[in-house]
Amino acid sequence: MPTAQTTTSGTRDAQSTSYSNLDTKGDHIMPYLLGWLLGVPLIVLVILYLIFH
């Protein structure tokens, strides 16, 4: 039996397919971070506008 550490999801640490190909360098992650920071509040404001208008 392999002695790899398992997390609560049962995948091996740093070997999961969702994290192994994730590039976390600043110049590559910044457009996505900006998209989230600008997009999420905009969506929340639109939803609040539609509810309370």
PDB file of N, CA and C in Angstrom:
ATOM      1  N   MET A   1       0.856  -1.188   0.000  1.00  0.00           N
ATOM      2  CA  MET A   1       0.000   0.000   0.000  1.00  0.00           C
ATOM      3  C   MET A   1       0.892   1.238   0.000  1.00  0.00           C
ATOM      4  N   PRO A   2       0.608   2.223  -0.867  1.00  0.00           N
ATOM      5  CA  PRO A   2       1.466   3.415  -0.912  1.00  0.00           C
ATOM      6  C   PRO A   2       1.330   4.243   0.354  1.00  0.00           C
ATOM      7  N   THR A   3       2.402   4.951   0.685  1.00  0.00           N
ATOM      8  CA  THR A   3       2.412   5.733   1.917  1.00  0.00           C
ATOM      9  C   THR A   3       2.198   7.214   1.643  1.00  0.00           C
ATOM     10  N   ALA A   4       1.542   7.556   0.528  1.00  0.00           N
ATOM     11  CA  ALA A   4       1.287   8.962   0.212  1.00  0.00           C
ATOM     12  C   ALA A   4       0.248   9.520   1.176  1.00  0.00           C
ATOM     13  N   GLN A   5       0.425  10.778   1.517  1.00  0.00           N
ATOM     14  CA  GLN A   5      -0.527  11.417   2.411  1.00  0.00           C
ATOM     15  C   GLN A   5      -1.835  11.647   1.663  1.00  0.00           C
ATOM     16  N   THR A   6      -2.920  11.465   2.363  1.00  0.00           N
ATOM     17  CA  THR A   6      -4.220  11.700   1.755  1.00  0.00           C
ATOM     18  C   THR A   6      -4.908  12.846   2.471  1.00  0.00           C
ATOM     19  N   THR A   7      -5.660  13.610   1.714  1.00  0.00           N
ATOM     20  CA  THR A   7      -6.453  14.683   2.296  1.00  0.00           C
ATOM     21  C   THR A   7      -7.855  14.158   2.542  1.00  0.00           C
ATOM     22  N   THR A   8      -8.755  15.026   2.938  1.00  0.00           N
ATOM     23  CA  THR A   8     -10.112  14.591   3.226  1.00  0.00           C
ATOM     24  C   THR A   8     -10.831  14.134   1.969  1.00  0.00           C
ATOM     25  N   SER A   9     -10.405  14.611   0.803  1.00  0.00           N
ATOM     26  CA  SER A   9     -11.065  14.201  -0.429  1.00  0.00           C
ATOM     27  C   SER A   9     -10.506  12.897  -0.973  1.00  0.00           C
ATOM     28  N   GLY A  10      -9.431  12.385  -0.391  1.00  0.00           N
ATOM     29  CA  GLY A  10      -8.871  11.127  -0.822  1.00  0.00           C
ATOM     30  C   GLY A  10      -7.817  11.245  -1.904  1.00  0.00           C
ATOM     31  N   THR A  11      -7.477  12.450  -2.327  1.00  0.00           N
ATOM     32  CA  THR A  11      -6.448  12.624  -3.349  1.00  0.00           C
ATOM     33  C   THR A  11      -5.108  12.856  -2.686  1.00  0.00           C
ATOM     34  N   ARG A  12      -4.047  12.512  -3.385  1.00  0.00           N
ATOM     35  CA  ARG A  12      -2.716  12.719  -2.830  1.00  0.00           C
ATOM     36  C   ARG A  12      -2.356  14.202  -2.863  1.00  0.00           C
ATOM     37  N   ASP A  13      -1.577  14.643  -1.888  1.00  0.00           N
ATOM     38  CA  ASP A  13      -1.200  16.046  -1.799  1.00  0.00           C
ATOM     39  C   ASP A  13      -0.388  16.464  -3.012  1.00  0.00           C
ATOM     40  N   ALA A  14      -0.741  17.597  -3.597  1.00  0.00           N
ATOM     41  CA  ALA A  14      -0.044  18.217  -4.723  1.00  0.00           C
ATOM     42  C   ALA A  14      -0.010  17.317  -5.951  1.00  0.00           C
ATOM     43  N   GLN A  15      -0.837  16.303  -6.003  1.00  0.00           N
ATOM     44  CA  GLN A  15      -0.868  15.427  -7.166  1.00  0.00           C
ATOM     45  C   GLN A  15      -2.262  15.383  -7.777  1.00  0.00           C
ATOM     46  N   SER A  16      -3.162  16.159  -7.245  1.00  0.00           N
ATOM     47  CA  SER A  16      -4.500  16.216  -7.796  1.00  0.00           C
ATOM     48  C   SER A  16      -4.460  16.896  -9.155  1.00  0.00           C
ATOM     49  N   THR A  17      -5.319  16.460 -10.064  1.00  0.00           N
ATOM     50  CA  THR A  17      -5.291  17.019 -11.414  1.00  0.00           C
ATOM     51  C   THR A  17      -5.703  18.483 -11.427  1.00  0.00           C
ATOM     52  N   SER A  18      -6.504  18.915 -10.456  1.00  0.00           N
ATOM     53  CA  SER A  18      -6.935  20.302 -10.454  1.00  0.00           C
ATOM     54  C   SER A  18      -5.839  21.242  -9.973  1.00  0.00           C
ATOM     55  N   TYR A  19      -4.870  20.726  -9.214  1.00  0.00           N
ATOM     56  CA  TYR A  19      -3.816  21.584  -8.700  1.00  0.00           C
ATOM     57  C   TYR A  19      -2.479  21.383  -9.402  1.00  0.00           C
ATOM     58  N   SER A  20      -2.262  20.253 -10.035  1.00  0.00           N
ATOM     59  CA  SER A  20      -0.953  19.980 -10.614  1.00  0.00           C
ATOM     60  C   SER A  20      -0.669  20.864 -11.816  1.00  0.00           C
ATOM     61  N   ASN A  21      -1.693  21.241 -12.567  1.00  0.00           N
ATOM     62  CA  ASN A  21      -1.492  22.068 -13.751  1.00  0.00           C
ATOM     63  C   ASN A  21      -1.817  23.535 -13.496  1.00  0.00           C
ATOM     64  N   LEU A  22      -2.104  23.891 -12.266  1.00  0.00           N
ATOM     65  CA  LEU A  22      -2.467  25.265 -11.945  1.00  0.00           C
ATOM     66  C   LEU A  22      -1.218  26.117 -11.832  1.00  0.00           C
ATOM     67  N   ASP A  23      -1.129  27.148 -12.680  1.00  0.00           N
ATOM     68  CA  ASP A  23       0.029  28.036 -12.675  1.00  0.00           C
ATOM     69  C   ASP A  23      -0.279  29.206 -11.752  1.00  0.00           C
ATOM     70  N   THR A  24       0.458  29.316 -10.657  1.00  0.00           N
ATOM     71  CA  THR A  24       0.171  30.347  -9.669  1.00  0.00           C
ATOM     72  C   THR A  24       1.191  31.471  -9.691  1.00  0.00           C
ATOM     73  N   LYS A  25       1.910  31.639 -10.798  1.00  0.00           N
ATOM     74  CA  LYS A  25       2.815  32.780 -10.898  1.00  0.00           C
ATOM     75  C   LYS A  25       1.990  34.064 -10.970  1.00  0.00           C
ATOM     76  N   GLY A  26       2.530  35.141 -10.435  1.00  0.00           N
ATOM     77  CA  GLY A  26       1.775  36.381 -10.334  1.00  0.00           C
ATOM     78  C   GLY A  26       1.318  36.932 -11.661  1.00  0.00           C
ATOM     79  N   ASP A  27       2.173  36.866 -12.688  1.00  0.00           N
ATOM     80  CA  ASP A  27       1.789  37.444 -13.968  1.00  0.00           C
ATOM     81  C   ASP A  27       0.748  36.602 -14.692  1.00  0.00           C
ATOM     82  N   HIS A  28       0.613  35.340 -14.338  1.00  0.00           N
ATOM     83  CA  HIS A  28      -0.386  34.497 -14.976  1.00  0.00           C
ATOM     84  C   HIS A  28      -1.703  34.484 -14.211  1.00  0.00           C
ATOM     85  N   ILE A  29      -1.644  34.629 -12.903  1.00  0.00           N
ATOM     86  CA  ILE A  29      -2.861  34.539 -12.098  1.00  0.00           C
ATOM     87  C   ILE A  29      -3.549  35.905 -11.978  1.00  0.00           C
ATOM     88  N   MET A  30      -2.818  36.993 -12.226  1.00  0.00           N
ATOM     89  CA  MET A  30      -3.369  38.326 -11.991  1.00  0.00           C
ATOM     90  C   MET A  30      -4.598  38.655 -12.843  1.00  0.00           C
ATOM     91  N   PRO A  31      -4.638  38.328 -14.139  1.00  0.00           N
ATOM     92  CA  PRO A  31      -5.870  38.630 -14.887  1.00  0.00           C
ATOM     93  C   PRO A  31      -7.086  37.906 -14.329  1.00  0.00           C
ATOM     94  N   TYR A  32      -6.911  36.668 -13.880  1.00  0.00           N
ATOM     95  CA  TYR A  32      -8.034  35.931 -13.306  1.00  0.00           C
ATOM     96  C   TYR A  32      -8.455  36.541 -11.976  1.00  0.00           C
ATOM     97  N   LEU A  33      -7.471  36.960 -11.179  1.00  0.00           N
ATOM     98  CA  LEU A  33      -7.775  37.588  -9.899  1.00  0.00           C
ATOM     99  C   LEU A  33      -8.513  38.906 -10.108  1.00  0.00           C
ATOM    100  N   LEU A  34      -8.052  39.695 -11.077  1.00  0.00           N
ATOM    101  CA  LEU A  34      -8.739  40.949 -11.382  1.00  0.00           C
ATOM    102  C   LEU A  34     -10.147  40.683 -11.896  1.00  0.00           C
ATOM    103  N   GLY A  35     -10.301  39.647 -12.689  1.00  0.00           N
ATOM    104  CA  GLY A  35     -11.626  39.308 -13.188  1.00  0.00           C
ATOM    105  C   GLY A  35     -12.585  38.953 -12.068  1.00  0.00           C
ATOM    106  N   TRP A  36     -12.102  38.172 -11.105  1.00  0.00           N
ATOM    107  CA  TRP A  36     -12.940  37.824  -9.968  1.00  0.00           C
ATOM    108  C   TRP A  36     -13.251  39.046  -9.116  1.00  0.00           C
ATOM    109  N   LEU A  37     -12.231  39.867  -8.862  1.00  0.00           N
ATOM    110  CA  LEU A  37     -12.443  41.020  -7.981  1.00  0.00           C
ATOM    111  C   LEU A  37     -13.371  42.052  -8.608  1.00  0.00           C
ATOM    112  N   LEU A  38     -13.355  42.162  -9.928  1.00  0.00           N
ATOM    113  CA  LEU A  38     -14.238  43.118 -10.589  1.00  0.00           C
ATOM    114  C   LEU A  38     -15.587  42.503 -10.942  1.00  0.00           C
ATOM    115  N   GLY A  39     -15.609  41.230 -11.248  1.00  0.00           N
ATOM    116  CA  GLY A  39     -16.833  40.600 -11.716  1.00  0.00           C
ATOM    117  C   GLY A  39     -17.800  40.223 -10.616  1.00  0.00           C
ATOM    118  N   VAL A  40     -17.288  39.717  -9.513  1.00  0.00           N
ATOM    119  CA  VAL A  40     -18.170  39.246  -8.443  1.00  0.00           C
ATOM    120  C   VAL A  40     -18.958  40.398  -7.813  1.00  0.00           C
ATOM    121  N   PRO A  41     -18.327  41.523  -7.447  1.00  0.00           N
ATOM    122  CA  PRO A  41     -19.139  42.631  -6.912  1.00  0.00           C
ATOM    123  C   PRO A  41     -20.135  43.170  -7.927  1.00  0.00           C
ATOM    124  N   LEU A  42     -19.778  43.153  -9.212  1.00  0.00           N
ATOM    125  CA  LEU A  42     -20.703  43.619 -10.240  1.00  0.00           C
ATOM    126  C   LEU A  42     -21.930  42.723 -10.308  1.00  0.00           C
ATOM    127  N   ILE A  43     -21.727  41.423 -10.253  1.00  0.00           N
ATOM    128  CA  ILE A  43     -22.852  40.485 -10.286  1.00  0.00           C
ATOM    129  C   ILE A  43     -23.725  40.657  -9.049  1.00  0.00           C
ATOM    130  N   VAL A  44     -23.096  40.849  -7.895  1.00  0.00           N
ATOM    131  CA  VAL A  44     -23.858  41.049  -6.658  1.00  0.00           C
ATOM    132  C   VAL A  44     -24.674  42.339  -6.738  1.00  0.00           C
ATOM    133  N   LEU A  45     -24.080  43.400  -7.267  1.00  0.00           N
ATOM    134  CA  LEU A  45     -24.813  44.658  -7.394  1.00  0.00           C
ATOM    135  C   LEU A  45     -25.981  44.534  -8.362  1.00  0.00           C
ATOM    136  N   VAL A  46     -25.804  43.818  -9.449  1.00  0.00           N
ATOM    137  CA  VAL A  46     -26.898  43.625 -10.405  1.00  0.00           C
ATOM    138  C   VAL A  46     -28.029  42.833  -9.762  1.00  0.00           C
ATOM    139  N   ILE A  47     -27.686  41.797  -9.016  1.00  0.00           N
ATOM    140  CA  ILE A  47     -28.724  41.000  -8.347  1.00  0.00           C
ATOM    141  C   ILE A  47     -29.469  41.847  -7.317  1.00  0.00           C
ATOM    142  N   LEU A  48     -28.734  42.637  -6.541  1.00  0.00           N
ATOM    143  CA  LEU A  48     -29.393  43.507  -5.564  1.00  0.00           C
ATOM    144  C   LEU A  48     -30.271  44.548  -6.245  1.00  0.00           C
ATOM    145  N   TYR A  49     -29.812  45.071  -7.380  1.00  0.00           N
ATOM    146  CA  TYR A  49     -30.617  46.040  -8.129  1.00  0.00           C
ATOM    147  C   TYR A  49     -31.916  45.402  -8.617  1.00  0.00           C
ATOM    148  N   LEU A  50     -31.813  44.180  -9.127  1.00  0.00           N
ATOM    149  CA  LEU A  50     -33.010  43.515  -9.636  1.00  0.00           C
ATOM    150  C   LEU A  50     -33.986  43.171  -8.516  1.00  0.00           C
ATOM    151  N   ILE A  51     -33.471  42.893  -7.332  1.00  0.00           N
ATOM    152  CA  ILE A  51     -34.354  42.555  -6.215  1.00  0.00           C
ATOM    153  C   ILE A  51     -35.055  43.800  -5.676  1.00  0.00           C
ATOM    154  N   PHE A  52     -34.302  44.878  -5.482  1.00  0.00           N
ATOM    155  CA  PHE A  52     -34.850  46.046  -4.785  1.00  0.00           C
ATOM    156  C   PHE A  52     -35.333  47.148  -5.711  1.00  0.00           C
ATOM    157  N   HIS A  53     -35.264  46.956  -7.001  1.00  0.00           N
ATOM    158  CA  HIS A  53     -35.717  48.008  -7.916  1.00  0.00           C
ATOM    159  C   HIS A  53     -37.225  48.043  -7.974  1.00  0.00           C
TER     160      HIS A  53
END
